[in-house]
Amino acid sequence: MFFRVIRKDGALRYFKSVGKVITDNYGRTFIIGMYADITEQYNKDKMIEDKIADLEKSNKELSAFNHIASHDLQEPLRKVQTFISRIREKNYDLFPENVKDYFSGIERATSRMQMFIEDLLLYSRASNVARIFELTDLNELLENTRQELSQRIEEKSVIIICETLPTLNVIPFQIQQLFTNLISNSIKYSKPALAPVIIIESRLVSAKNMPGWVTNPKNRYYKISVSDNGIGFDPRHSEDIFALFYRLHSKTAYSGTGVGLAICKVIVENHKGYIKAESTPEIGSTFSFYLPA
């Protein structure tokens, strides 16, 4: 039985009572009862229930956002882009120079809005996708990424050097997205006069050598590192760069929305792993992610 008690000082306490009927060797019957103060446990359970309710509410709101971003926002944006395209084809040459500048600004703004919507949808899907794990050869996923980025790799004369990667229980399309985002990042922030060199390494490590985030030191992880010889960044930003919309550079210097690395973090966390970044300005960067072995 469960009941509440209001003490004289006004404090509310929760109790649980348990009773049992016992008959001794002489045929006498006794009732043994026990009362336990479960207030602390009750409050913890209530807090968990509230968090679950908040999470369910957030998921519903996120689903509503996905629908809006997928349909209600994109439809009028596509119409604007269509009108812009028609104006450019038929009337652009008739505009005065200052109007042409304004018009180009509108084009850039709508393109950037389209990019924001698409990246937000990618982030949302990475956070809420059905997590179906499959035993997968990571070399195949990396090869898929090479094919996906083949045009950019050829244009930039990118050299990719890769060790043999393991076969792990993962969400395949998410790990491929992870490779795509990290390699795209290395290409984007390469040095103008130097061919990008991207080195991908893999090794098995013990959790006891990774203090600070691993809860079970008996676990083992595959550490997969993606290193480049690009422009690098100030190591003070090594945590910040994984935040949603965080940008180290102005949008005029480098395109993007600041969502790509945030997606990488979500993907790795979906796999009960960890990702970190190390960098030296003008030398290059290394992104290492750890996946359970």
C-alpha atoms as a PDB file:
ATOM      1  CA  MET A   1       0.000   0.000   0.000  1.00  0.00           C
ATOM      2  CA  PHE A   2       1.202   3.498  -0.832  1.00  0.00           C
ATOM      3  CA  PHE A   3       0.172   6.645   1.063  1.00  0.00           C
ATOM      4  CA  ARG A   4       1.214  10.218   1.804  1.00  0.00           C
ATOM      5  CA  VAL A   5       1.810  11.884   5.161  1.00  0.00           C
ATOM      6  CA  ILE A   6       1.894  15.614   5.827  1.00  0.00           C
ATOM      7  CA  ARG A   7       4.111  16.298   8.803  1.00  0.00           C
ATOM      8  CA  LYS A   8       3.503  19.046  11.358  1.00  0.00           C
ATOM      9  CA  ASP A   9       6.148  21.186   9.676  1.00  0.00           C
ATOM     10  CA  GLY A  10       4.169  20.941   6.410  1.00  0.00           C
ATOM     11  CA  ALA A  11       6.621  18.593   4.684  1.00  0.00           C
ATOM     12  CA  LEU A  12       5.052  15.953   2.468  1.00  0.00           C
ATOM     13  CA  ARG A  13       6.448  12.426   2.834  1.00  0.00           C
ATOM     14  CA  TYR A  14       5.624   9.264   0.893  1.00  0.00           C
ATOM     15  CA  PHE A  15       5.411   5.852   2.548  1.00  0.00           C
ATOM     16  CA  LYS A  16       4.999   2.293   1.392  1.00  0.00           C
ATOM     17  CA  SER A  17       3.543  -0.379   3.650  1.00  0.00           C
ATOM     18  CA  VAL A  18       3.911  -4.112   3.264  1.00  0.00           C
ATOM     19  CA  GLY A  19       2.074  -6.710   5.354  1.00  0.00           C
ATOM     20  CA  LYS A  20       2.231 -10.453   5.608  1.00  0.00           C
ATOM     21  CA  VAL A  21       0.087 -12.980   7.508  1.00  0.00           C
ATOM     22  CA  ILE A  22       2.084 -15.649   9.381  1.00  0.00           C
ATOM     23  CA  THR A  23       0.799 -18.683  11.256  1.00  0.00           C
ATOM     24  CA  ASP A  24       3.119 -20.174  13.881  1.00  0.00           C
ATOM     25  CA  ASN A  25       3.454 -23.799  14.965  1.00  0.00           C
ATOM     26  CA  TYR A  26       0.673 -23.376  17.564  1.00  0.00           C
ATOM     27  CA  GLY A  27      -1.858 -22.209  15.048  1.00  0.00           C
ATOM     28  CA  ARG A  28      -1.667 -18.592  16.084  1.00  0.00           C
ATOM     29  CA  THR A  29      -1.960 -16.046  13.325  1.00  0.00           C
ATOM     30  CA  PHE A  30       0.094 -12.854  13.218  1.00  0.00           C
ATOM     31  CA  ILE A  31       0.194  -9.955  10.851  1.00  0.00           C
ATOM     32  CA  ILE A  32       3.632  -8.493  10.347  1.00  0.00           C
ATOM     33  CA  GLY A  33       3.729  -5.062   8.775  1.00  0.00           C
ATOM     34  CA  MET A  34       6.529  -2.777   7.650  1.00  0.00           C
ATOM     35  CA  TYR A  35       6.484   0.866   6.736  1.00  0.00           C
ATOM     36  CA  ALA A  36       9.206   2.462   4.649  1.00  0.00           C
ATOM     37  CA  ASP A  37       9.785   6.122   3.855  1.00  0.00           C
ATOM     38  CA  ILE A  38      10.235   6.151   0.052  1.00  0.00           C
ATOM     39  CA  THR A  39      10.120   9.923  -0.414  1.00  0.00           C
ATOM     40  CA  GLU A  40      13.568  10.158  -2.033  1.00  0.00           C
ATOM     41  CA  GLN A  41      12.857   7.298  -4.443  1.00  0.00           C
ATOM     42  CA  TYR A  42       9.415   8.722  -5.222  1.00  0.00           C
ATOM     43  CA  ASN A  43      10.904  12.127  -6.049  1.00  0.00           C
ATOM     44  CA  LYS A  44      13.545  10.530  -8.296  1.00  0.00           C
ATOM     45  CA  ASP A  45      10.914   8.477 -10.137  1.00  0.00           C
ATOM     46  CA  LYS A  46       8.722  11.547 -10.513  1.00  0.00           C
ATOM     47  CA  MET A  47      11.639  13.531 -11.944  1.00  0.00           C
ATOM     48  CA  ILE A  48      12.329  10.766 -14.484  1.00  0.00           C
ATOM     49  CA  GLU A  49       8.650  10.661 -15.456  1.00  0.00           C
ATOM     50  CA  ASP A  50       8.645  14.432 -15.936  1.00  0.00           C
ATOM     51  CA  LYS A  51      11.770  14.258 -18.104  1.00  0.00           C
ATOM     52  CA  ILE A  52      10.235  11.500 -20.223  1.00  0.00           C
ATOM     53  CA  ALA A  53       7.083  13.586 -20.633  1.00  0.00           C
ATOM     54  CA  ASP A  54       9.203  16.613 -21.639  1.00  0.00           C
ATOM     55  CA  LEU A  55      11.128  14.457 -24.113  1.00  0.00           C
ATOM     56  CA  GLU A  56       7.921  13.148 -25.678  1.00  0.00           C
ATOM     57  CA  LYS A  57       6.663  16.715 -25.970  1.00  0.00           C
ATOM     58  CA  SER A  58       9.943  17.800 -27.593  1.00  0.00           C
ATOM     59  CA  ASN A  59       9.758  14.897 -30.036  1.00  0.00           C
ATOM     60  CA  LYS A  60       6.234  15.905 -31.046  1.00  0.00           C
ATOM     61  CA  GLU A  61       7.343  19.505 -31.517  1.00  0.00           C
ATOM     62  CA  LEU A  62      10.345  18.327 -33.543  1.00  0.00           C
ATOM     63  CA  SER A  63       8.101  16.189 -35.738  1.00  0.00           C
ATOM     64  CA  ALA A  64       5.896  19.220 -36.308  1.00  0.00           C
ATOM     65  CA  PHE A  65       8.965  21.274 -37.186  1.00  0.00           C
ATOM     66  CA  ASN A  66      10.109  18.597 -39.644  1.00  0.00           C
ATOM     67  CA  HIS A  67       6.759  18.750 -41.386  1.00  0.00           C
ATOM     68  CA  ILE A  68       6.845  22.548 -41.540  1.00  0.00           C
ATOM     69  CA  ALA A  69      10.453  22.620 -42.758  1.00  0.00           C
ATOM     70  CA  SER A  70       9.796  19.891 -45.319  1.00  0.00           C
ATOM     71  CA  HIS A  71       6.619  21.379 -46.748  1.00  0.00           C
ATOM     72  CA  ASP A  72       5.307  24.701 -45.447  1.00  0.00           C
ATOM     73  CA  LEU A  73       8.685  26.510 -45.533  1.00  0.00           C
ATOM     74  CA  GLN A  74      10.137  24.973 -48.654  1.00  0.00           C
ATOM     75  CA  GLU A  75       7.102  25.467 -50.890  1.00  0.00           C
ATOM     76  CA  PRO A  76       7.021  29.308 -50.738  1.00  0.00           C
ATOM     77  CA  LEU A  77      10.820  29.375 -50.915  1.00  0.00           C
ATOM     78  CA  ARG A  78      10.761  27.337 -54.123  1.00  0.00           C
ATOM     79  CA  LYS A  79       8.253  29.790 -55.592  1.00  0.00           C
ATOM     80  CA  VAL A  80      10.490  32.736 -54.706  1.00  0.00           C
ATOM     81  CA  GLN A  81      13.451  30.967 -56.312  1.00  0.00           C
ATOM     82  CA  THR A  82      11.376  30.262 -59.428  1.00  0.00           C
ATOM     83  CA  PHE A  83      10.370  33.939 -59.749  1.00  0.00           C
ATOM     84  CA  ILE A  84      13.978  35.004 -59.194  1.00  0.00           C
ATOM     85  CA  SER A  85      15.109  32.643 -61.943  1.00  0.00           C
ATOM     86  CA  ARG A  86      12.531  34.010 -64.390  1.00  0.00           C
ATOM     87  CA  ILE A  87      13.433  37.614 -63.620  1.00  0.00           C
ATOM     88  CA  ARG A  88      17.126  36.869 -64.155  1.00  0.00           C
ATOM     89  CA  GLU A  89      16.416  35.240 -67.532  1.00  0.00           C
ATOM     90  CA  LYS A  90      14.101  37.936 -68.885  1.00  0.00           C
ATOM     91  CA  ASN A  91      14.724  41.233 -67.100  1.00  0.00           C
ATOM     92  CA  TYR A  92      18.086  41.196 -65.339  1.00  0.00           C
ATOM     93  CA  ASP A  93      20.019  42.946 -68.140  1.00  0.00           C
ATOM     94  CA  LEU A  94      17.517  45.843 -68.074  1.00  0.00           C
ATOM     95  CA  PHE A  95      18.186  46.650 -64.397  1.00  0.00           C
ATOM     96  CA  PRO A  96      20.386  49.569 -63.323  1.00  0.00           C
ATOM     97  CA  GLU A  97      23.634  48.471 -61.665  1.00  0.00           C
ATOM     98  CA  ASN A  98      22.427  49.192 -58.127  1.00  0.00           C
ATOM     99  CA  VAL A  99      19.255  47.118 -58.693  1.00  0.00           C
ATOM    100  CA  LYS A 100      21.401  44.276 -60.047  1.00  0.00           C
ATOM    101  CA  ASP A 101      23.348  44.354 -56.765  1.00  0.00           C
ATOM    102  CA  TYR A 102      20.119  44.214 -54.748  1.00  0.00           C
ATOM    103  CA  PHE A 103      18.840  41.394 -56.914  1.00  0.00           C
ATOM    104  CA  SER A 104      22.051  39.383 -56.457  1.00  0.00           C
ATOM    105  CA  GLY A 105      21.712  39.887 -52.707  1.00  0.00           C
ATOM    106  CA  ILE A 106      18.200  38.433 -52.826  1.00  0.00           C
ATOM    107  CA  GLU A 107      19.505  35.403 -54.746  1.00  0.00           C
ATOM    108  CA  ARG A 108      22.233  34.781 -52.186  1.00  0.00           C
ATOM    109  CA  ALA A 109      19.819  35.172 -49.271  1.00  0.00           C
ATOM    110  CA  THR A 110      17.268  32.718 -50.685  1.00  0.00           C
ATOM    111  CA  SER A 111      20.002  30.189 -51.499  1.00  0.00           C
ATOM    112  CA  ARG A 112      21.318  30.490 -47.967  1.00  0.00           C
ATOM    113  CA  MET A 113      17.830  30.018 -46.535  1.00  0.00           C
ATOM    114  CA  GLN A 114      17.433  26.862 -48.635  1.00  0.00           C
ATOM    115  CA  MET A 115      20.751  25.586 -47.295  1.00  0.00           C
ATOM    116  CA  PHE A 116      19.681  26.311 -43.702  1.00  0.00           C
ATOM    117  CA  ILE A 117      16.409  24.414 -44.106  1.00  0.00           C
ATOM    118  CA  GLU A 118      18.119  21.397 -45.689  1.00  0.00           C
ATOM    119  CA  ASP A 119      20.827  21.276 -42.997  1.00  0.00           C
ATOM    120  CA  LEU A 120      18.275  21.604 -40.204  1.00  0.00           C
ATOM    121  CA  LEU A 121      16.341  18.691 -41.646  1.00  0.00           C
ATOM    122  CA  LEU A 122      19.537  16.625 -41.793  1.00  0.00           C
ATOM    123  CA  TYR A 123      20.289  17.487 -38.161  1.00  0.00           C
ATOM    124  CA  SER A 124      16.762  16.645 -37.077  1.00  0.00           C
ATOM    125  CA  ARG A 125      16.784  13.316 -38.912  1.00  0.00           C
ATOM    126  CA  ALA A 126      20.176  12.425 -37.433  1.00  0.00           C
ATOM    127  CA  SER A 127      18.744  13.035 -33.968  1.00  0.00           C
ATOM    128  CA  ASN A 128      15.475  11.137 -34.406  1.00  0.00           C
ATOM    129  CA  VAL A 129      16.046   8.460 -37.024  1.00  0.00           C
ATOM    130  CA  ALA A 130      15.119   4.867 -36.243  1.00  0.00           C
ATOM    131  CA  ARG A 131      18.353   3.340 -34.986  1.00  0.00           C
ATOM    132  CA  ILE A 132      18.704   0.107 -36.907  1.00  0.00           C
ATOM    133  CA  PHE A 133      22.201  -1.301 -36.405  1.00  0.00           C
ATOM    134  CA  GLU A 134      23.813  -3.662 -38.897  1.00  0.00           C
ATOM    135  CA  LEU A 135      27.172  -5.388 -38.997  1.00  0.00           C
ATOM    136  CA  THR A 136      28.858  -3.272 -41.678  1.00  0.00           C
ATOM    137  CA  ASP A 137      32.255  -3.011 -43.341  1.00  0.00           C
ATOM    138  CA  LEU A 138      33.300   0.609 -42.813  1.00  0.00           C
ATOM    139  CA  ASN A 139      35.579   0.392 -45.870  1.00  0.00           C
ATOM    140  CA  GLU A 140      32.469   0.083 -48.038  1.00  0.00           C
ATOM    141  CA  LEU A 141      30.897   3.148 -46.426  1.00  0.00           C
ATOM    142  CA  LEU A 142      34.081   5.140 -46.979  1.00  0.00           C
ATOM    143  CA  GLU A 143      34.130   4.063 -50.632  1.00  0.00           C
ATOM    144  CA  ASN A 144      30.526   5.261 -50.982  1.00  0.00           C
ATOM    145  CA  THR A 145      31.646   8.627 -49.626  1.00  0.00           C
ATOM    146  CA  ARG A 146      34.511   8.737 -52.151  1.00  0.00           C
ATOM    147  CA  GLN A 147      32.021   8.199 -54.955  1.00  0.00           C
ATOM    148  CA  GLU A 148      29.646  10.800 -53.555  1.00  0.00           C
ATOM    149  CA  LEU A 149      32.425  13.410 -53.365  1.00  0.00           C
ATOM    150  CA  SER A 150      34.274  12.286 -56.510  1.00  0.00           C
ATOM    151  CA  GLN A 151      33.779  15.567 -58.372  1.00  0.00           C
ATOM    152  CA  ARG A 152      35.127  17.701 -55.523  1.00  0.00           C
ATOM    153  CA  ILE A 153      37.978  15.252 -54.935  1.00  0.00           C
ATOM    154  CA  GLU A 154      38.977  15.492 -58.595  1.00  0.00           C
ATOM    155  CA  GLU A 155      38.625  19.281 -58.767  1.00  0.00           C
ATOM    156  CA  LYS A 156      40.844  19.784 -55.700  1.00  0.00           C
ATOM    157  CA  SER A 157      43.278  16.931 -56.530  1.00  0.00           C
ATOM    158  CA  VAL A 158      42.573  15.466 -53.104  1.00  0.00           C
ATOM    159  CA  ILE A 159      44.787  12.618 -51.916  1.00  0.00           C
ATOM    160  CA  ILE A 160      43.050  10.236 -49.493  1.00  0.00           C
ATOM    161  CA  ILE A 161      45.233   7.721 -47.665  1.00  0.00           C
ATOM    162  CA  CYS A 162      43.301   5.162 -45.639  1.00  0.00           C
ATOM    163  CA  GLU A 163      44.155   2.197 -43.457  1.00  0.00           C
ATOM    164  CA  THR A 164      41.915  -0.845 -43.469  1.00  0.00           C
ATOM    165  CA  LEU A 165      38.839  -0.027 -41.389  1.00  0.00           C
ATOM    166  CA  PRO A 166      36.982  -2.475 -39.118  1.00  0.00           C
ATOM    167  CA  THR A 167      33.603  -4.134 -39.521  1.00  0.00           C
ATOM    168  CA  LEU A 168      31.294  -2.808 -36.806  1.00  0.00           C
ATOM    169  CA  ASN A 169      27.687  -2.866 -35.703  1.00  0.00           C
ATOM    170  CA  VAL A 170      26.516   0.569 -36.872  1.00  0.00           C
ATOM    171  CA  ILE A 171      23.721   2.523 -38.506  1.00  0.00           C
ATOM    172  CA  PRO A 172      25.206   2.349 -42.042  1.00  0.00           C
ATOM    173  CA  PHE A 173      23.859   5.508 -43.675  1.00  0.00           C
ATOM    174  CA  GLN A 174      24.745   7.579 -40.605  1.00  0.00           C
ATOM    175  CA  ILE A 175      28.382   6.454 -40.541  1.00  0.00           C
ATOM    176  CA  GLN A 176      28.595   7.186 -44.261  1.00  0.00           C
ATOM    177  CA  GLN A 177      27.189  10.662 -43.522  1.00  0.00           C
ATOM    178  CA  LEU A 178      29.860  11.017 -40.831  1.00  0.00           C
ATOM    179  CA  PHE A 179      32.650  10.208 -43.315  1.00  0.00           C
ATOM    180  CA  THR A 180      31.097  12.547 -45.885  1.00  0.00           C
ATOM    181  CA  ASN A 181      30.873  15.474 -43.465  1.00  0.00           C
ATOM    182  CA  LEU A 182      34.419  15.075 -42.131  1.00  0.00           C
ATOM    183  CA  ILE A 183      36.040  14.657 -45.557  1.00  0.00           C
ATOM    184  CA  SER A 184      33.975  17.538 -46.986  1.00  0.00           C
ATOM    185  CA  ASN A 185      35.165  19.645 -44.068  1.00  0.00           C
ATOM    186  CA  SER A 186      38.800  18.813 -44.821  1.00  0.00           C
ATOM    187  CA  ILE A 187      38.342  19.716 -48.485  1.00  0.00           C
ATOM    188  CA  LYS A 188      36.542  22.978 -47.697  1.00  0.00           C
ATOM    189  CA  TYR A 189      39.234  24.192 -45.295  1.00  0.00           C
ATOM    190  CA  SER A 190      42.207  23.146 -47.412  1.00  0.00           C
ATOM    191  CA  LYS A 191      44.980  25.585 -48.320  1.00  0.00           C
ATOM    192  CA  PRO A 192      44.491  27.284 -51.702  1.00  0.00           C
ATOM    193  CA  ALA A 193      47.926  26.473 -53.122  1.00  0.00           C
ATOM    194  CA  LEU A 194      48.324  22.995 -51.635  1.00  0.00           C
ATOM    195  CA  ALA A 195      46.677  19.714 -52.651  1.00  0.00           C
ATOM    196  CA  PRO A 196      44.619  18.417 -49.727  1.00  0.00           C
ATOM    197  CA  VAL A 197      45.982  15.252 -48.135  1.00  0.00           C
ATOM    198  CA  ILE A 198      43.515  13.375 -45.928  1.00  0.00           C
ATOM    199  CA  ILE A 199      44.769  10.482 -43.803  1.00  0.00           C
ATOM    200  CA  ILE A 200      42.281   8.069 -42.218  1.00  0.00           C
ATOM    201  CA  GLU A 201      43.627   5.810 -39.476  1.00  0.00           C
ATOM    202  CA  SER A 202      42.022   3.198 -37.261  1.00  0.00           C
ATOM    203  CA  ARG A 203      43.126   1.428 -34.095  1.00  0.00           C
ATOM    204  CA  LEU A 204      41.586  -0.494 -31.222  1.00  0.00           C
ATOM    205  CA  VAL A 205      41.846   1.281 -27.862  1.00  0.00           C
ATOM    206  CA  SER A 206      40.867   0.468 -24.298  1.00  0.00           C
ATOM    207  CA  ALA A 207      38.287   2.632 -22.528  1.00  0.00           C
ATOM    208  CA  LYS A 208      40.552   2.929 -19.485  1.00  0.00           C
ATOM    209  CA  ASN A 209      42.848   5.124 -21.592  1.00  0.00           C
ATOM    210  CA  MET A 210      40.020   7.573 -22.285  1.00  0.00           C
ATOM    211  CA  PRO A 211      39.104   9.069 -18.891  1.00  0.00           C
ATOM    212  CA  GLY A 212      36.383  11.655 -18.511  1.00  0.00           C
ATOM    213  CA  TRP A 213      33.583  10.253 -20.643  1.00  0.00           C
ATOM    214  CA  VAL A 214      33.648   6.449 -20.649  1.00  0.00           C
ATOM    215  CA  THR A 215      31.457   4.905 -17.963  1.00  0.00           C
ATOM    216  CA  ASN A 216      32.731   1.327 -18.277  1.00  0.00           C
ATOM    217  CA  PRO A 217      36.555   1.087 -18.333  1.00  0.00           C
ATOM    218  CA  LYS A 218      36.314  -2.550 -19.511  1.00  0.00           C
ATOM    219  CA  ASN A 219      34.905  -1.527 -22.880  1.00  0.00           C
ATOM    220  CA  ARG A 220      36.979  -1.282 -26.041  1.00  0.00           C
ATOM    221  CA  TYR A 221      36.552   1.211 -28.859  1.00  0.00           C
ATOM    222  CA  TYR A 222      37.782   1.712 -32.372  1.00  0.00           C
ATOM    223  CA  LYS A 223      39.389   5.116 -32.687  1.00  0.00           C
ATOM    224  CA  ILE A 224      39.039   6.358 -36.262  1.00  0.00           C
ATOM    225  CA  SER A 225      40.920   9.553 -37.084  1.00  0.00           C
ATOM    226  CA  VAL A 226      40.511  11.821 -40.105  1.00  0.00           C
ATOM    227  CA  SER A 227      43.540  14.129 -40.430  1.00  0.00           C
ATOM    228  CA  ASP A 228      44.287  16.809 -43.011  1.00  0.00           C
ATOM    229  CA  ASN A 229      46.904  19.393 -43.957  1.00  0.00           C
ATOM    230  CA  GLY A 230      44.452  22.290 -44.148  1.00  0.00           C
ATOM    231  CA  ILE A 231      44.301  25.727 -42.571  1.00  0.00           C
ATOM    232  CA  GLY A 232      43.505  24.346 -39.106  1.00  0.00           C
ATOM    233  CA  PHE A 233      41.916  26.380 -36.323  1.00  0.00           C
ATOM    234  CA  ASP A 234      42.618  27.710 -32.852  1.00  0.00           C
ATOM    235  CA  PRO A 235      42.444  24.703 -30.472  1.00  0.00           C
ATOM    236  CA  ARG A 236      40.475  26.848 -28.025  1.00  0.00           C
ATOM    237  CA  HIS A 237      37.466  26.203 -30.281  1.00  0.00           C
ATOM    238  CA  SER A 238      37.839  22.407 -30.310  1.00  0.00           C
ATOM    239  CA  GLU A 239      34.613  21.915 -28.322  1.00  0.00           C
ATOM    240  CA  ASP A 240      32.629  24.865 -29.695  1.00  0.00           C
ATOM    241  CA  ILE A 241      32.810  23.715 -33.314  1.00  0.00           C
ATOM    242  CA  PHE A 242      30.410  20.840 -32.584  1.00  0.00           C
ATOM    243  CA  ALA A 243      27.677  23.236 -31.448  1.00  0.00           C
ATOM    244  CA  LEU A 244      24.728  23.802 -33.780  1.00  0.00           C
ATOM    245  CA  PHE A 245      25.230  26.854 -36.056  1.00  0.00           C
ATOM    246  CA  TYR A 246      28.704  27.590 -34.628  1.00  0.00           C
ATOM    247  CA  ARG A 247      30.992  29.055 -37.282  1.00  0.00           C
ATOM    248  CA  LEU A 248      34.684  29.903 -37.028  1.00  0.00           C
ATOM    249  CA  HIS A 249      34.677  31.900 -40.256  1.00  0.00           C
ATOM    250  CA  SER A 250      32.366  34.424 -41.860  1.00  0.00           C
ATOM    251  CA  LYS A 251      29.843  33.152 -44.399  1.00  0.00           C
ATOM    252  CA  THR A 252      31.578  35.202 -47.089  1.00  0.00           C
ATOM    253  CA  ALA A 253      34.912  33.441 -46.486  1.00  0.00           C
ATOM    254  CA  TYR A 254      33.522  29.901 -46.418  1.00  0.00           C
ATOM    255  CA  SER A 255      30.067  28.626 -47.309  1.00  0.00           C
ATOM    256  CA  GLY A 256      28.017  26.580 -44.891  1.00  0.00           C
ATOM    257  CA  THR A 257      25.612  26.887 -41.994  1.00  0.00           C
ATOM    258  CA  GLY A 258      27.550  25.485 -39.055  1.00  0.00           C
ATOM    259  CA  VAL A 259      25.438  22.311 -38.928  1.00  0.00           C
ATOM    260  CA  GLY A 260      27.789  19.681 -40.424  1.00  0.00           C
ATOM    261  CA  LEU A 261      29.939  19.021 -37.353  1.00  0.00           C
ATOM    262  CA  ALA A 262      26.893  19.180 -35.074  1.00  0.00           C
ATOM    263  CA  ILE A 263      25.442  16.330 -37.163  1.00  0.00           C
ATOM    264  CA  CYS A 264      28.726  14.415 -36.750  1.00  0.00           C
ATOM    265  CA  LYS A 265      28.430  14.691 -32.975  1.00  0.00           C
ATOM    266  CA  VAL A 266      24.812  13.482 -32.984  1.00  0.00           C
ATOM    267  CA  ILE A 267      25.715  10.501 -35.189  1.00  0.00           C
ATOM    268  CA  VAL A 268      28.583   9.421 -32.936  1.00  0.00           C
ATOM    269  CA  GLU A 269      26.435   9.835 -29.822  1.00  0.00           C
ATOM    270  CA  ASN A 270      23.735   7.692 -31.483  1.00  0.00           C
ATOM    271  CA  HIS A 271      26.403   4.964 -31.536  1.00  0.00           C
ATOM    272  CA  LYS A 272      27.320   5.472 -27.832  1.00  0.00           C
ATOM    273  CA  GLY A 273      30.614   6.939 -28.943  1.00  0.00           C
ATOM    274  CA  TYR A 274      32.588  10.145 -28.653  1.00  0.00           C
ATOM    275  CA  ILE A 275      34.156  12.639 -31.072  1.00  0.00           C
ATOM    276  CA  LYS A 276      36.877  15.195 -30.530  1.00  0.00           C
ATOM    277  CA  ALA A 277      38.904  17.636 -32.603  1.00  0.00           C
ATOM    278  CA  GLU A 278      42.544  18.665 -32.454  1.00  0.00           C
ATOM    279  CA  SER A 279      44.159  21.313 -34.606  1.00  0.00           C
ATOM    280  CA  THR A 280      47.158  23.550 -35.159  1.00  0.00           C
ATOM    281  CA  PRO A 281      46.613  26.716 -37.224  1.00  0.00           C
ATOM    282  CA  GLU A 282      48.209  26.507 -40.696  1.00  0.00           C
ATOM    283  CA  ILE A 283      49.271  22.898 -40.032  1.00  0.00           C
ATOM    284  CA  GLY A 284      46.025  20.937 -40.138  1.00  0.00           C
ATOM    285  CA  SER A 285      43.288  19.277 -38.116  1.00  0.00           C
ATOM    286  CA  THR A 286      42.429  15.819 -36.838  1.00  0.00           C
ATOM    287  CA  PHE A 287      38.899  14.674 -36.048  1.00  0.00           C
ATOM    288  CA  SER A 288      38.811  11.442 -34.059  1.00  0.00           C
ATOM    289  CA  PHE A 289      35.667   9.494 -33.313  1.00  0.00           C
ATOM    290  CA  TYR A 290      35.376   6.447 -31.082  1.00  0.00           C
ATOM    291  CA  LEU A 291      32.896   3.655 -31.814  1.00  0.00           C
ATOM    292  CA  PRO A 292      32.244   0.663 -29.542  1.00  0.00           C
ATOM    293  CA  ALA A 293      34.144  -2.430 -30.715  1.00  0.00           C
END
